[in-house]
Protein backbone atom coordinates (compact mmCIF):
# COMPACT_ATOMS: atom_id res chain seq x y z
CA MET A 1 6.58 4.46 -20.73
CA LYS A 2 7.45 5.36 -17.15
CA LYS A 3 5.22 3.94 -14.45
CA VAL A 4 4.27 6.05 -11.44
CA LEU A 5 2.81 4.18 -8.48
CA ILE A 6 0.57 6.08 -6.07
CA ALA A 7 0.54 3.92 -2.93
CA THR A 8 -1.54 5.27 -0.04
CA VAL A 9 -3.17 3.58 2.92
CA LYS A 10 -4.99 6.90 3.39
CA PRO A 11 -6.19 7.59 -0.17
CA PHE A 12 -6.05 10.89 -1.97
CA ALA A 13 -9.42 12.50 -2.68
CA PRO A 14 -10.96 11.41 -6.01
CA ALA A 15 -10.50 14.94 -7.35
CA ALA A 16 -6.80 14.76 -6.55
CA ILE A 17 -6.39 11.37 -8.24
CA SER A 18 -8.19 12.69 -11.32
CA GLN A 19 -5.86 15.68 -11.65
CA MET A 20 -2.78 13.56 -10.95
CA LYS A 21 -3.79 11.04 -13.62
CA ASN A 22 -4.39 13.79 -16.18
CA LEU A 23 -0.97 15.32 -15.56
CA LEU A 24 0.76 11.95 -15.85
CA GLU A 25 -1.07 11.08 -19.05
CA GLN A 26 -0.14 14.45 -20.54
CA ALA A 27 3.50 13.63 -19.80
CA GLY A 28 3.15 10.19 -21.39
CA TYR A 29 3.43 8.31 -18.09
CA GLU A 30 1.31 5.44 -16.77
CA MET A 31 -0.36 5.76 -13.37
CA LEU A 32 -0.56 2.73 -11.07
CA LEU A 33 -2.83 2.98 -8.02
CA LEU A 34 -2.70 1.09 -4.73
CA GLU A 35 -5.11 2.40 -2.11
CA LYS A 36 -6.15 1.23 1.36
CA TYR A 37 -3.77 -1.72 1.20
CA GLU A 38 -3.77 -3.79 4.37
CA GLN A 39 -0.45 -5.65 4.16
CA PRO A 40 3.08 -4.39 3.33
CA GLU A 41 3.38 -7.34 0.96
CA MET A 42 0.84 -5.67 -1.31
CA LEU A 43 3.12 -2.66 -1.64
CA LEU A 44 6.14 -4.90 -2.17
CA GLU A 45 4.40 -6.50 -5.15
CA ALA A 46 3.08 -3.23 -6.60
CA VAL A 47 6.39 -1.36 -6.45
CA LYS A 48 8.39 -3.95 -8.41
CA ASP A 49 7.74 -2.34 -11.80
CA ALA A 50 7.49 1.31 -10.68
CA ASP A 51 9.85 4.00 -11.90
CA ALA A 52 8.46 6.51 -9.40
CA LEU A 53 6.49 6.29 -6.18
CA ILE A 54 4.14 8.77 -4.49
CA VAL A 55 3.18 8.14 -0.86
CA ARG A 56 1.63 9.96 2.07
CA SER A 57 2.36 8.58 5.56
CA ASP A 58 3.18 5.13 4.21
CA GLN A 59 6.31 3.42 5.54
CA ILE A 60 8.94 3.09 2.83
CA THR A 61 11.53 0.75 4.29
CA LYS A 62 14.77 -0.77 3.09
CA THR A 63 12.88 -3.96 2.25
CA ILE A 64 10.53 -2.10 -0.06
CA LEU A 65 13.33 -0.11 -1.71
CA ASP A 66 15.37 -3.29 -2.27
CA GLN A 67 12.41 -4.84 -4.12
CA ALA A 68 12.08 -1.97 -6.60
CA PRO A 69 14.89 -2.27 -9.18
CA ASN A 70 13.43 0.35 -11.53
CA LEU A 71 12.64 2.93 -8.84
CA LYS A 72 14.38 6.28 -9.28
CA ILE A 73 12.33 8.66 -7.15
CA VAL A 74 9.99 8.64 -4.14
CA VAL A 75 7.92 11.72 -3.37
CA ARG A 76 6.25 12.16 -0.01
CA ALA A 77 3.07 14.16 -0.67
CA GLY A 78 3.46 16.33 2.41
CA ALA A 79 6.19 17.91 4.49
CA GLY A 80 7.29 15.27 7.02
CA TYR A 81 9.42 12.44 5.63
CA ASP A 82 10.46 10.35 8.63
CA ASN A 83 8.39 7.49 7.17
CA ILE A 84 11.01 7.00 4.44
CA ASP A 85 14.37 5.30 4.98
CA LEU A 86 16.66 7.93 3.45
CA ASP A 87 19.85 5.91 3.92
CA ALA A 88 18.37 2.91 2.13
CA ALA A 89 17.09 5.17 -0.64
CA THR A 90 20.54 6.66 -1.13
CA LYS A 91 22.16 3.23 -1.25
CA ASN A 92 19.64 2.20 -3.90
CA GLU A 93 20.26 5.45 -5.83
CA VAL A 94 16.68 6.58 -5.28
CA VAL A 95 15.98 10.29 -4.92
CA VAL A 96 13.57 11.22 -2.12
CA MET A 97 11.57 14.45 -2.17
CA ASN A 98 8.74 16.00 -0.21
CA THR A 99 6.24 18.71 -1.16
CA PRO A 100 6.86 21.46 1.41
CA GLY A 101 4.20 24.12 1.88
CA GLN A 102 1.35 22.34 0.12
CA ASN A 103 -0.36 21.35 3.38
CA ALA A 104 0.75 24.39 5.37
CA ASN A 105 -2.49 26.36 5.43
CA ALA A 106 -4.55 23.27 6.27
CA VAL A 107 -2.35 22.47 9.27
CA ALA A 108 -2.33 26.08 10.40
CA GLU A 109 -6.12 26.31 10.34
CA LEU A 110 -6.29 23.15 12.44
CA VAL A 111 -3.93 24.71 14.99
CA LEU A 112 -6.18 27.71 15.48
CA GLY A 113 -9.30 25.55 15.43
CA MET A 114 -7.98 23.38 18.26
CA MET A 115 -6.88 26.47 20.18
CA VAL A 116 -10.41 27.87 20.04
CA LEU A 117 -11.76 24.48 21.11
CA MET A 118 -9.63 24.49 24.25
CA ALA A 119 -10.09 28.18 25.02
CA ARG A 120 -13.86 27.50 25.10
CA ASN A 121 -13.49 24.39 27.29
CA GLN A 122 -14.40 22.10 24.41
CA TYR A 123 -17.81 23.78 24.27
CA ASN A 124 -18.98 22.18 27.52
CA GLY A 125 -21.28 25.09 28.39
CA LYS A 126 -18.90 26.73 30.87
CA PRO A 127 -17.30 30.16 30.32
CA GLY A 128 -14.02 30.11 28.47
CA THR A 129 -11.41 32.65 27.44
CA GLU A 130 -10.54 34.56 24.28
CA LEU A 131 -7.44 34.29 22.13
CA LYS A 132 -7.28 38.04 21.59
CA GLY A 133 -4.33 39.56 23.39
CA LYS A 134 -2.74 36.22 24.32
CA THR A 135 0.83 35.41 23.28
CA LEU A 136 1.39 32.55 20.85
CA GLY A 137 4.90 31.15 20.51
CA ILE A 138 5.68 29.37 17.25
CA HIS A 139 8.38 26.73 17.64
CA ALA A 140 9.88 26.50 14.13
CA TYR A 141 9.06 29.26 11.66
CA GLY A 142 8.72 27.30 8.43
CA ASN A 143 5.82 27.06 6.00
CA VAL A 144 3.31 25.94 8.62
CA GLY A 145 4.62 28.31 11.27
CA LYS A 146 4.28 31.27 8.95
CA ASN A 147 0.67 30.39 8.18
CA VAL A 148 -0.11 29.94 11.88
CA ALA A 149 1.30 33.41 12.51
CA ARG A 150 -0.78 34.92 9.71
CA ILE A 151 -4.02 33.45 11.02
CA ALA A 152 -3.24 34.16 14.68
CA LYS A 153 -2.74 37.82 13.86
CA GLY A 154 -6.31 37.81 12.59
CA PHE A 155 -7.33 36.83 16.12
CA ASP A 156 -5.31 39.82 17.38
CA MET A 157 -2.85 37.56 19.18
CA ASN A 158 0.68 38.58 20.07
CA VAL A 159 2.85 36.27 17.95
CA VAL A 160 6.47 35.38 18.73
CA ALA A 161 8.76 32.71 17.28
CA TYR A 162 11.87 30.63 17.83
CA ASP A 163 13.78 28.96 15.01
CA PRO A 164 17.59 28.72 15.04
CA TYR A 165 17.57 27.86 11.33
CA VAL A 166 15.66 30.95 10.19
CA SER A 167 17.28 34.37 10.30
CA SER A 168 15.89 37.09 12.55
CA GLU A 169 15.44 39.30 9.49
CA ILE A 170 12.93 36.85 7.98
CA VAL A 171 10.93 36.53 11.20
CA GLU A 172 10.96 40.22 12.07
CA ARG A 173 10.00 41.14 8.51
CA ASP A 174 6.63 39.60 9.36
CA ASN A 175 6.39 41.85 12.44
CA ILE A 176 7.01 38.95 14.79
CA LYS A 177 9.37 39.00 17.75
CA ASP A 178 12.21 36.53 17.22
CA TYR A 179 13.60 34.82 20.30
CA GLU A 180 17.19 33.65 20.17
CA ASN A 181 16.74 31.59 23.34
CA ILE A 182 14.11 28.86 23.35
CA GLU A 183 13.57 29.05 27.10
CA ASP A 184 12.78 32.74 26.88
CA MET A 185 10.03 32.09 24.36
CA TYR A 186 8.46 29.33 26.44
CA ARG A 187 8.64 31.55 29.50
CA ASN A 188 6.69 34.31 27.76
CA ALA A 189 4.09 32.45 25.68
CA GLN A 190 0.80 31.13 27.05
CA TYR A 191 0.29 29.14 23.85
CA ILE A 192 3.07 27.19 22.11
CA SER A 193 2.54 25.65 18.66
CA LEU A 194 5.07 22.96 17.67
CA HIS A 195 6.26 22.58 14.08
CA ILE A 196 9.60 20.81 14.44
CA PRO A 197 10.46 17.51 12.71
CA ALA A 198 11.35 14.31 14.55
CA THR A 199 15.15 14.09 14.38
CA PRO A 200 17.77 12.71 16.79
CA GLN A 201 18.14 16.26 18.08
CA THR A 202 14.43 16.94 18.62
CA ILE A 203 13.06 13.59 19.84
CA LYS A 204 11.75 14.09 23.41
CA SER A 205 13.14 17.63 23.37
CA ILE A 206 9.77 19.05 24.48
CA ASN A 207 10.27 17.95 28.05
CA TYR A 208 9.41 18.72 31.65
CA ASP A 209 12.18 21.27 32.20
CA LEU A 210 11.19 23.27 29.13
CA LEU A 211 7.43 23.12 29.57
CA LYS A 212 7.46 24.04 33.24
CA LYS A 213 8.72 27.47 32.22
CA MET A 214 5.43 28.29 30.50
CA PRO A 215 3.17 30.77 32.32
CA GLU A 216 -0.10 30.06 34.08
CA ASN A 217 -2.92 28.59 31.94
CA ALA A 218 -0.43 27.35 29.37
CA VAL A 219 -1.56 25.42 26.30
CA LEU A 220 0.74 23.22 24.20
CA ILE A 221 -0.34 22.45 20.61
CA ASN A 222 1.36 19.63 18.70
CA THR A 223 0.63 19.17 15.00
CA ALA A 224 4.16 17.93 14.31
CA ARG A 225 5.25 14.47 15.52
CA LYS A 226 4.50 12.58 18.74
CA GLU A 227 8.16 11.58 19.10
CA ILE A 228 9.22 15.14 19.94
CA ILE A 229 7.25 15.01 23.20
CA ASP A 230 8.73 13.52 26.36
CA GLU A 231 5.42 11.99 27.40
CA ASP A 232 6.56 11.04 30.91
CA GLY A 233 7.74 14.58 31.52
CA LEU A 234 4.50 16.05 30.17
CA ILE A 235 2.40 13.74 32.35
CA GLN A 236 4.44 14.76 35.39
CA LEU A 237 4.00 18.43 34.58
CA MET A 238 0.26 18.16 34.00
CA THR A 239 -0.08 16.26 37.27
CA GLU A 240 1.70 19.08 39.11
CA ARG A 241 -0.05 21.89 37.20
CA PRO A 242 -3.83 21.61 36.87
CA ASP A 243 -3.78 24.75 34.70
CA PHE A 244 -1.75 23.12 31.89
CA LYS A 245 -3.51 21.87 28.72
CA TYR A 246 -2.28 19.74 25.83
CA ILE A 247 -3.77 19.54 22.32
CA SER A 248 -2.38 17.13 19.75
CA ASP A 249 -3.05 16.10 16.16
CA ILE A 250 -1.11 12.93 16.97
CA GLN A 251 -2.39 10.52 19.58
CA PRO A 252 0.38 9.92 22.13
CA ASP A 253 1.71 6.48 23.01
CA LYS A 254 0.34 6.94 26.54
CA LYS A 255 -3.06 8.14 25.39
CA GLU A 256 -4.92 6.12 28.02
CA ILE A 257 -2.96 7.75 30.85
CA PHE A 258 -3.62 11.25 29.50
CA GLU A 259 -7.31 10.56 29.04
CA SER A 260 -7.80 8.93 32.42
CA GLN A 261 -5.96 11.61 34.38
CA PHE A 262 -6.57 14.91 32.65
CA GLY A 263 -10.14 14.94 31.33
CA ASN A 264 -10.98 17.98 29.20
CA ARG A 265 -7.49 19.41 29.67
CA ILE A 266 -6.40 17.30 26.70
CA PHE A 267 -7.71 16.81 23.17
CA PHE A 268 -6.41 14.39 20.53
CA THR A 269 -7.74 14.01 17.00
CA PRO A 270 -8.75 10.41 16.20
CA LYS A 271 -6.12 10.32 13.44
CA LYS A 272 -3.67 12.83 12.02
CA MET A 273 -5.91 15.50 10.53
CA GLY A 274 -3.58 18.39 9.72
CA ALA A 275 -3.49 17.82 5.97
CA GLN A 276 -6.99 16.35 5.75
CA THR A 277 -8.64 18.98 3.58
CA ALA A 278 -9.71 18.69 -0.04
CA GLU A 279 -7.48 21.61 -0.98
CA ALA A 280 -4.34 20.28 0.72
CA ASN A 281 -4.99 16.82 -0.66
CA ILE A 282 -5.10 18.12 -4.22
CA ASN A 283 -2.19 20.55 -3.74
CA ALA A 284 0.18 17.90 -2.38
CA GLY A 285 -0.77 15.25 -4.92
CA VAL A 286 -0.45 17.56 -7.91
CA ALA A 287 2.86 18.93 -6.62
CA ALA A 288 4.21 15.38 -6.25
CA VAL A 289 3.34 14.55 -9.85
CA LYS A 290 4.87 17.76 -11.18
CA GLN A 291 8.08 17.09 -9.25
CA ILE A 292 8.33 13.59 -10.69
CA VAL A 293 7.82 14.81 -14.25
CA ASN A 294 10.34 17.61 -13.78
CA PHE A 295 12.81 15.14 -12.30
CA PHE A 296 12.66 12.80 -15.28
CA GLU A 297 12.31 15.43 -18.00
CA ASN A 298 14.56 18.19 -16.63
CA ASN A 299 16.68 16.47 -13.97
CA ASP A 300 15.11 18.83 -11.42
CA THR A 301 16.04 17.85 -7.83
CA THR A 302 14.86 21.01 -6.09
CA TYR A 303 13.22 19.24 -3.16
CA LYS A 304 15.72 16.40 -2.81
CA LEU A 305 16.12 15.21 0.80
CA ASN A 306 18.92 12.64 0.55
């Protein structure tokens, strides 16, 4: 009987665990559960007998992978996978997958929710502005970006996008202007929503020179990764431009500087909240289980990352 370990510092909702367990039992697999563990050593011990591993934002390092001789697959229940050492997984002949799209609507709703929060001055009693008629630039038109566009259109916003990896035909099919030049999009969008991964090419790519091109009363929304922001450059820009606002679902490394200098021009969630809905929780967990079963039973590697 194959053993599937669900190891999450941030637990799945009970409803998600129930559905995941039922699916695994139907497939004849055993579910192992490690939640809210406080030390990496607890994961090291739990993973020793696992054939498959499901995680969320948990760090899956070379040390962990080396201690799991039976492990054949790791599934990140979510889109981002920079918490998993892909090179080490490959060397250990472990397939790594994610569950793209399962959290997309939840993240997109958070984007618009935070935009409303800032447009209304964090509900401090002073007059704000409306989103209607404003231009929203979507930086990366993937699953989340597409959902952000859908919802923003409901606010009657003008939606544009930049993504060098998505064809213009796909973007324009959704009645969205596709920019081929990133600087042109930043120059023409009052709101920018970031949905790029943290890679060697994107780390600190959202920098002073790019952001200074944004028009007056610009708002930057980051529900992606903190590493993509050049924090020193952003601090410099916000110091020079009292009209510039920053909203993030990831607390920056220099949080104290932002909070001490920029007041209600910034907003950070207390922890990453993009996928923190009951629906997304269940969707991602169930998808992870189905991918593991399909991998073992049908050799399905559709969402393989390494």
